[in-house]
Amino acid sequence: MIGYVTVGTNDLPRAAAFYDALATHFGVGRMMDTESFIAWGEWGGGAGIAATKPFDGQAASVGNGVMVALEVKTPEAVDAIYATAMANGGSDEGAPGPRGDEGFYAGYFRDPDGNKLNAFCMVAAES
């Protein structure tokens, strides 16, 4: 259903460096790259993500309650993406670990513009 998600940025080169690093964990690169918009993903693949300067020319701002969730296969992949985010200007919103008792494992972080993301996977629930 979702084709791609955009996050606003006030510094496209900084956002590009952050998302270039995250994209390597998904085996994708830039699929669109313009002066005001960069998208990562794979043509014909799953949902992509893009960083963009707002079309209206106003400053980008963070949506309260908005988050982009990036699904991976293993807790180790969650840990690696979280570490990459921290090493590339991201900020902590909740270190990787199990959440609840339903087998949900996630790490939460913000990009350099303050957009909230997480990396998550579903694992066998402990009994």
N, C-alpha and C. Protein backbone atom coordinates (compact mmCIF):
# COMPACT_ATOMS: atom_id res chain seq x y z
N MET A 1 0.81 -1.19 0.00
CA MET A 1 0.00 0.00 0.00
C MET A 1 0.85 1.26 0.00
N ILE A 2 1.86 1.33 0.85
CA ILE A 2 2.69 2.54 0.90
C ILE A 2 3.79 2.42 -0.15
N GLY A 3 3.89 3.43 -1.00
CA GLY A 3 4.92 3.46 -2.04
C GLY A 3 6.21 4.07 -1.56
N TYR A 4 6.08 5.20 -0.82
CA TYR A 4 7.25 5.84 -0.24
C TYR A 4 6.79 6.82 0.83
N VAL A 5 7.73 7.21 1.67
CA VAL A 5 7.49 8.17 2.73
C VAL A 5 8.50 9.29 2.57
N THR A 6 8.09 10.51 2.79
CA THR A 6 9.03 11.62 2.75
C THR A 6 9.21 12.20 4.15
N VAL A 7 10.41 12.66 4.41
CA VAL A 7 10.70 13.42 5.62
C VAL A 7 11.27 14.76 5.17
N GLY A 8 10.90 15.81 5.88
CA GLY A 8 11.38 17.14 5.53
C GLY A 8 12.79 17.36 6.05
N THR A 9 13.53 18.18 5.33
CA THR A 9 14.88 18.55 5.76
C THR A 9 15.14 20.02 5.46
N ASN A 10 15.94 20.62 6.30
CA ASN A 10 16.42 21.98 6.06
C ASN A 10 17.86 21.98 5.59
N ASP A 11 18.47 20.80 5.51
CA ASP A 11 19.86 20.65 5.08
C ASP A 11 19.97 19.35 4.29
N LEU A 12 19.70 19.43 2.99
CA LEU A 12 19.65 18.22 2.16
C LEU A 12 20.98 17.46 2.13
N PRO A 13 22.14 18.12 2.02
CA PRO A 13 23.39 17.35 2.04
C PRO A 13 23.57 16.57 3.35
N ARG A 14 23.21 17.15 4.48
CA ARG A 14 23.32 16.44 5.76
C ARG A 14 22.36 15.26 5.80
N ALA A 15 21.12 15.47 5.36
CA ALA A 15 20.14 14.38 5.31
C ALA A 15 20.61 13.29 4.37
N ALA A 16 21.20 13.68 3.24
CA ALA A 16 21.69 12.70 2.27
C ALA A 16 22.74 11.79 2.89
N ALA A 17 23.67 12.35 3.64
CA ALA A 17 24.71 11.54 4.27
C ALA A 17 24.09 10.56 5.27
N PHE A 18 23.12 11.01 6.04
CA PHE A 18 22.46 10.17 7.04
C PHE A 18 21.72 9.02 6.36
N TYR A 19 20.89 9.33 5.36
CA TYR A 19 20.09 8.29 4.72
C TYR A 19 20.90 7.41 3.77
N ASP A 20 21.99 7.94 3.19
CA ASP A 20 22.90 7.08 2.42
C ASP A 20 23.43 5.96 3.32
N ALA A 21 23.82 6.32 4.55
CA ALA A 21 24.36 5.33 5.49
C ALA A 21 23.30 4.31 5.88
N LEU A 22 22.07 4.75 6.17
CA LEU A 22 21.00 3.81 6.53
C LEU A 22 20.65 2.90 5.36
N ALA A 23 20.62 3.44 4.15
CA ALA A 23 20.20 2.67 2.97
C ALA A 23 21.08 1.46 2.72
N THR A 24 22.35 1.54 3.13
CA THR A 24 23.24 0.40 2.91
C THR A 24 22.74 -0.85 3.64
N HIS A 25 22.06 -0.68 4.77
CA HIS A 25 21.53 -1.82 5.52
C HIS A 25 20.40 -2.53 4.77
N PHE A 26 19.80 -1.83 3.82
CA PHE A 26 18.68 -2.40 3.06
C PHE A 26 19.09 -2.80 1.65
N GLY A 27 20.37 -2.61 1.33
CA GLY A 27 20.87 -2.99 0.02
C GLY A 27 20.35 -2.12 -1.11
N VAL A 28 20.02 -0.87 -0.78
CA VAL A 28 19.51 0.05 -1.81
C VAL A 28 20.34 1.33 -1.77
N GLY A 29 20.17 2.11 -2.81
CA GLY A 29 20.83 3.41 -2.90
C GLY A 29 19.83 4.45 -3.33
N ARG A 30 20.35 5.52 -3.83
CA ARG A 30 19.49 6.61 -4.32
C ARG A 30 18.83 6.18 -5.62
N MET A 31 17.52 6.39 -5.72
CA MET A 31 16.84 6.09 -6.97
C MET A 31 16.35 7.37 -7.64
N MET A 32 16.32 8.46 -6.91
CA MET A 32 16.02 9.79 -7.46
C MET A 32 16.89 10.78 -6.71
N ASP A 33 17.44 11.75 -7.44
CA ASP A 33 18.34 12.70 -6.80
C ASP A 33 18.24 14.03 -7.54
N THR A 34 17.56 14.99 -6.92
CA THR A 34 17.42 16.32 -7.53
C THR A 34 17.98 17.36 -6.56
N GLU A 35 17.88 18.59 -6.94
CA GLU A 35 18.38 19.70 -6.12
C GLU A 35 17.63 19.83 -4.79
N SER A 36 16.38 19.39 -4.74
CA SER A 36 15.58 19.57 -3.52
C SER A 36 15.01 18.27 -2.95
N PHE A 37 15.32 17.13 -3.57
CA PHE A 37 14.66 15.87 -3.20
C PHE A 37 15.58 14.70 -3.51
N ILE A 38 15.75 13.80 -2.55
CA ILE A 38 16.50 12.56 -2.79
C ILE A 38 15.66 11.41 -2.26
N ALA A 39 15.52 10.36 -3.07
CA ALA A 39 14.76 9.18 -2.66
C ALA A 39 15.66 7.96 -2.70
N TRP A 40 15.49 7.10 -1.69
CA TRP A 40 16.25 5.85 -1.58
C TRP A 40 15.29 4.69 -1.72
N GLY A 41 15.72 3.67 -2.42
CA GLY A 41 14.90 2.49 -2.61
C GLY A 41 15.32 1.80 -3.88
N GLU A 42 14.39 1.01 -4.41
CA GLU A 42 14.65 0.26 -5.63
C GLU A 42 13.41 0.32 -6.50
N TRP A 43 13.58 0.74 -7.74
CA TRP A 43 12.45 0.79 -8.66
C TRP A 43 11.78 -0.58 -8.69
N GLY A 44 10.48 -0.63 -8.48
CA GLY A 44 9.75 -1.87 -8.49
C GLY A 44 9.88 -2.67 -7.20
N GLY A 45 10.62 -2.13 -6.23
CA GLY A 45 10.81 -2.81 -4.96
C GLY A 45 9.78 -2.37 -3.93
N GLY A 46 10.11 -2.57 -2.68
CA GLY A 46 9.23 -2.17 -1.59
C GLY A 46 9.21 -0.66 -1.42
N ALA A 47 8.54 -0.23 -0.37
CA ALA A 47 8.42 1.20 -0.10
C ALA A 47 9.79 1.85 0.07
N GLY A 48 9.91 3.07 -0.41
CA GLY A 48 11.15 3.83 -0.29
C GLY A 48 10.99 4.97 0.69
N ILE A 49 12.08 5.69 0.91
CA ILE A 49 12.06 6.87 1.78
C ILE A 49 12.75 8.00 1.05
N ALA A 50 12.29 9.21 1.27
CA ALA A 50 12.87 10.37 0.61
C ALA A 50 13.04 11.50 1.61
N ALA A 51 14.07 12.29 1.40
CA ALA A 51 14.27 13.52 2.16
C ALA A 51 14.05 14.67 1.18
N THR A 52 13.30 15.67 1.61
CA THR A 52 12.95 16.75 0.71
C THR A 52 12.91 18.09 1.41
N LYS A 53 13.30 19.11 0.69
CA LYS A 53 13.04 20.47 1.15
C LYS A 53 11.55 20.72 0.88
N PRO A 54 10.82 21.31 1.82
CA PRO A 54 9.39 21.52 1.59
C PRO A 54 9.11 22.32 0.33
N PHE A 55 8.12 21.86 -0.42
CA PHE A 55 7.74 22.48 -1.69
C PHE A 55 7.31 23.93 -1.51
N ASP A 56 6.69 24.25 -0.36
CA ASP A 56 6.18 25.61 -0.15
C ASP A 56 7.28 26.61 0.22
N GLY A 57 8.52 26.15 0.33
CA GLY A 57 9.62 27.06 0.62
C GLY A 57 9.78 27.39 2.09
N GLN A 58 8.88 26.93 2.93
CA GLN A 58 8.96 27.18 4.36
C GLN A 58 9.94 26.18 4.99
N ALA A 59 10.31 26.44 6.23
CA ALA A 59 11.22 25.54 6.94
C ALA A 59 10.54 24.19 7.19
N ALA A 60 11.31 23.13 7.09
CA ALA A 60 10.80 21.80 7.44
C ALA A 60 10.62 21.74 8.95
N SER A 61 9.58 21.05 9.38
CA SER A 61 9.35 20.85 10.81
C SER A 61 8.93 19.41 11.04
N VAL A 62 9.04 18.97 12.28
CA VAL A 62 8.75 17.59 12.64
C VAL A 62 7.28 17.46 13.01
N GLY A 63 6.62 16.41 12.51
CA GLY A 63 5.23 16.14 12.86
C GLY A 63 5.15 15.43 14.21
N ASN A 64 4.37 15.97 15.12
CA ASN A 64 4.21 15.34 16.42
C ASN A 64 3.38 14.07 16.27
N GLY A 65 3.93 12.95 16.67
CA GLY A 65 3.24 11.67 16.53
C GLY A 65 3.55 10.95 15.23
N VAL A 66 4.36 11.55 14.35
CA VAL A 66 4.72 10.94 13.08
C VAL A 66 6.03 10.17 13.24
N MET A 67 6.08 8.95 12.71
CA MET A 67 7.29 8.15 12.78
C MET A 67 7.34 7.24 11.55
N VAL A 68 8.53 7.04 11.04
CA VAL A 68 8.75 6.09 9.95
C VAL A 68 9.36 4.83 10.56
N ALA A 69 8.73 3.67 10.32
CA ALA A 69 9.20 2.39 10.85
C ALA A 69 9.85 1.60 9.72
N LEU A 70 11.09 1.18 9.93
CA LEU A 70 11.87 0.45 8.95
C LEU A 70 11.97 -1.01 9.37
N GLU A 71 11.34 -1.92 8.63
CA GLU A 71 11.31 -3.33 9.00
C GLU A 71 12.53 -4.07 8.50
N VAL A 72 13.12 -4.85 9.40
CA VAL A 72 14.26 -5.72 9.08
C VAL A 72 13.96 -7.13 9.60
N LYS A 73 14.87 -8.05 9.36
CA LYS A 73 14.61 -9.46 9.68
C LYS A 73 15.06 -9.90 11.07
N THR A 74 16.09 -9.25 11.65
CA THR A 74 16.67 -9.75 12.89
C THR A 74 16.95 -8.63 13.90
N PRO A 75 17.02 -8.98 15.18
CA PRO A 75 17.43 -7.99 16.18
C PRO A 75 18.83 -7.43 15.89
N GLU A 76 19.72 -8.26 15.35
CA GLU A 76 21.06 -7.78 15.02
C GLU A 76 21.02 -6.69 13.96
N ALA A 77 20.11 -6.80 13.01
CA ALA A 77 19.95 -5.76 12.00
C ALA A 77 19.40 -4.48 12.63
N VAL A 78 18.46 -4.62 13.56
CA VAL A 78 17.96 -3.44 14.29
C VAL A 78 19.12 -2.75 15.00
N ASP A 79 19.93 -3.54 15.71
CA ASP A 79 21.07 -2.98 16.44
C ASP A 79 22.02 -2.25 15.50
N ALA A 80 22.29 -2.84 14.34
CA ALA A 80 23.23 -2.24 13.38
C ALA A 80 22.69 -0.94 12.81
N ILE A 81 21.41 -0.90 12.47
CA ILE A 81 20.82 0.33 11.92
C ILE A 81 20.82 1.42 12.98
N TYR A 82 20.45 1.08 14.19
CA TYR A 82 20.46 2.05 15.28
C TYR A 82 21.88 2.62 15.47
N ALA A 83 22.89 1.75 15.48
CA ALA A 83 24.28 2.18 15.63
C ALA A 83 24.69 3.09 14.48
N THR A 84 24.27 2.75 13.26
CA THR A 84 24.58 3.60 12.10
C THR A 84 23.93 4.97 12.26
N ALA A 85 22.68 4.99 12.71
CA ALA A 85 22.00 6.27 12.93
C ALA A 85 22.76 7.12 13.94
N MET A 86 23.17 6.52 15.05
CA MET A 86 23.89 7.26 16.08
C MET A 86 25.23 7.77 15.56
N ALA A 87 25.91 6.99 14.72
CA ALA A 87 27.22 7.36 14.19
C ALA A 87 27.14 8.41 13.09
N ASN A 88 25.92 8.67 12.58
CA ASN A 88 25.77 9.60 11.46
C ASN A 88 24.89 10.78 11.81
N GLY A 89 24.92 11.22 13.05
CA GLY A 89 24.21 12.44 13.44
C GLY A 89 22.83 12.23 13.99
N GLY A 90 22.39 10.98 14.15
CA GLY A 90 21.08 10.71 14.73
C GLY A 90 21.10 10.90 16.24
N SER A 91 19.92 10.96 16.83
CA SER A 91 19.82 11.06 18.28
C SER A 91 18.90 9.95 18.80
N ASP A 92 19.18 9.54 20.02
CA ASP A 92 18.49 8.42 20.65
C ASP A 92 17.06 8.76 21.05
N GLU A 93 16.14 7.85 20.75
CA GLU A 93 14.76 7.94 21.21
C GLU A 93 14.34 6.65 21.90
N GLY A 94 15.28 5.76 22.12
CA GLY A 94 14.99 4.47 22.76
C GLY A 94 15.89 3.40 22.18
N ALA A 95 16.88 2.99 22.96
CA ALA A 95 17.86 2.00 22.49
C ALA A 95 17.18 0.71 22.07
N PRO A 96 17.80 -0.05 21.17
CA PRO A 96 17.21 -1.31 20.72
C PRO A 96 16.94 -2.28 21.87
N GLY A 97 15.83 -2.97 21.75
CA GLY A 97 15.47 -3.97 22.74
C GLY A 97 14.05 -4.44 22.52
N PRO A 98 13.65 -5.46 23.28
CA PRO A 98 12.27 -5.95 23.17
C PRO A 98 11.30 -4.92 23.72
N ARG A 99 10.14 -4.85 23.10
CA ARG A 99 9.08 -3.95 23.55
C ARG A 99 7.84 -4.80 23.80
N GLY A 100 7.36 -4.79 25.01
CA GLY A 100 6.18 -5.58 25.32
C GLY A 100 6.51 -7.07 25.32
N ASP A 101 5.47 -7.89 25.25
CA ASP A 101 5.68 -9.33 25.28
C ASP A 101 5.18 -10.02 24.01
N GLU A 102 5.07 -9.27 22.95
CA GLU A 102 4.52 -9.81 21.71
C GLU A 102 5.59 -10.14 20.66
N GLY A 103 6.88 -10.13 21.04
CA GLY A 103 7.92 -10.45 20.08
C GLY A 103 8.34 -9.29 19.20
N PHE A 104 8.07 -8.06 19.64
CA PHE A 104 8.42 -6.86 18.90
C PHE A 104 9.75 -6.35 19.44
N TYR A 105 10.76 -6.20 18.55
CA TYR A 105 12.08 -5.72 18.93
C TYR A 105 12.35 -4.47 18.11
N ALA A 106 12.72 -3.37 18.76
CA ALA A 106 12.87 -2.11 18.03
C ALA A 106 13.89 -1.19 18.68
N GLY A 107 14.45 -0.33 17.87
CA GLY A 107 15.31 0.77 18.31
C GLY A 107 14.79 2.05 17.69
N TYR A 108 14.68 3.10 18.49
CA TYR A 108 14.08 4.36 18.06
C TYR A 108 15.14 5.46 18.00
N PHE A 109 15.07 6.30 16.96
CA PHE A 109 16.04 7.37 16.80
C PHE A 109 15.44 8.50 15.96
N ARG A 110 16.11 9.63 15.98
CA ARG A 110 15.74 10.77 15.14
C ARG A 110 16.88 11.05 14.17
N ASP A 111 16.50 11.50 12.98
CA ASP A 111 17.52 11.91 12.01
C ASP A 111 18.04 13.30 12.41
N PRO A 112 19.03 13.83 11.70
CA PRO A 112 19.57 15.14 12.10
C PRO A 112 18.57 16.29 12.04
N ASP A 113 17.47 16.15 11.31
CA ASP A 113 16.44 17.18 11.27
C ASP A 113 15.39 16.98 12.36
N GLY A 114 15.47 15.90 13.12
CA GLY A 114 14.51 15.64 14.19
C GLY A 114 13.37 14.72 13.81
N ASN A 115 13.36 14.19 12.58
CA ASN A 115 12.32 13.25 12.17
C ASN A 115 12.52 11.93 12.91
N LYS A 116 11.44 11.38 13.46
CA LYS A 116 11.54 10.16 14.25
C LYS A 116 11.40 8.92 13.35
N LEU A 117 12.29 7.96 13.58
CA LEU A 117 12.27 6.68 12.88
C LEU A 117 12.49 5.57 13.89
N ASN A 118 12.21 4.36 13.46
CA ASN A 118 12.65 3.20 14.21
C ASN A 118 13.02 2.10 13.23
N ALA A 119 13.84 1.20 13.71
CA ALA A 119 14.10 -0.05 13.00
C ALA A 119 13.49 -1.12 13.89
N PHE A 120 12.78 -2.07 13.27
CA PHE A 120 12.10 -3.09 14.07
C PHE A 120 12.09 -4.42 13.35
N CYS A 121 11.86 -5.47 14.16
CA CYS A 121 11.61 -6.81 13.62
C CYS A 121 10.70 -7.53 14.58
N MET A 122 10.07 -8.57 14.06
CA MET A 122 9.23 -9.44 14.89
C MET A 122 10.04 -10.70 15.16
N VAL A 123 10.10 -11.08 16.42
CA VAL A 123 10.83 -12.28 16.83
C VAL A 123 9.87 -13.17 17.61
N ALA A 124 10.24 -14.42 17.77
CA ALA A 124 9.39 -15.33 18.53
C ALA A 124 9.20 -14.78 19.94
N ALA A 125 7.97 -14.67 20.36
CA ALA A 125 7.67 -14.18 21.70
C ALA A 125 8.19 -15.18 22.73
N GLU A 126 8.78 -14.64 23.80
CA GLU A 126 9.27 -15.51 24.87
C GLU A 126 8.09 -16.06 25.66
N SER A 127 8.21 -17.33 26.06
CA SER A 127 7.10 -17.92 26.83
C SER A 127 7.53 -18.26 28.23
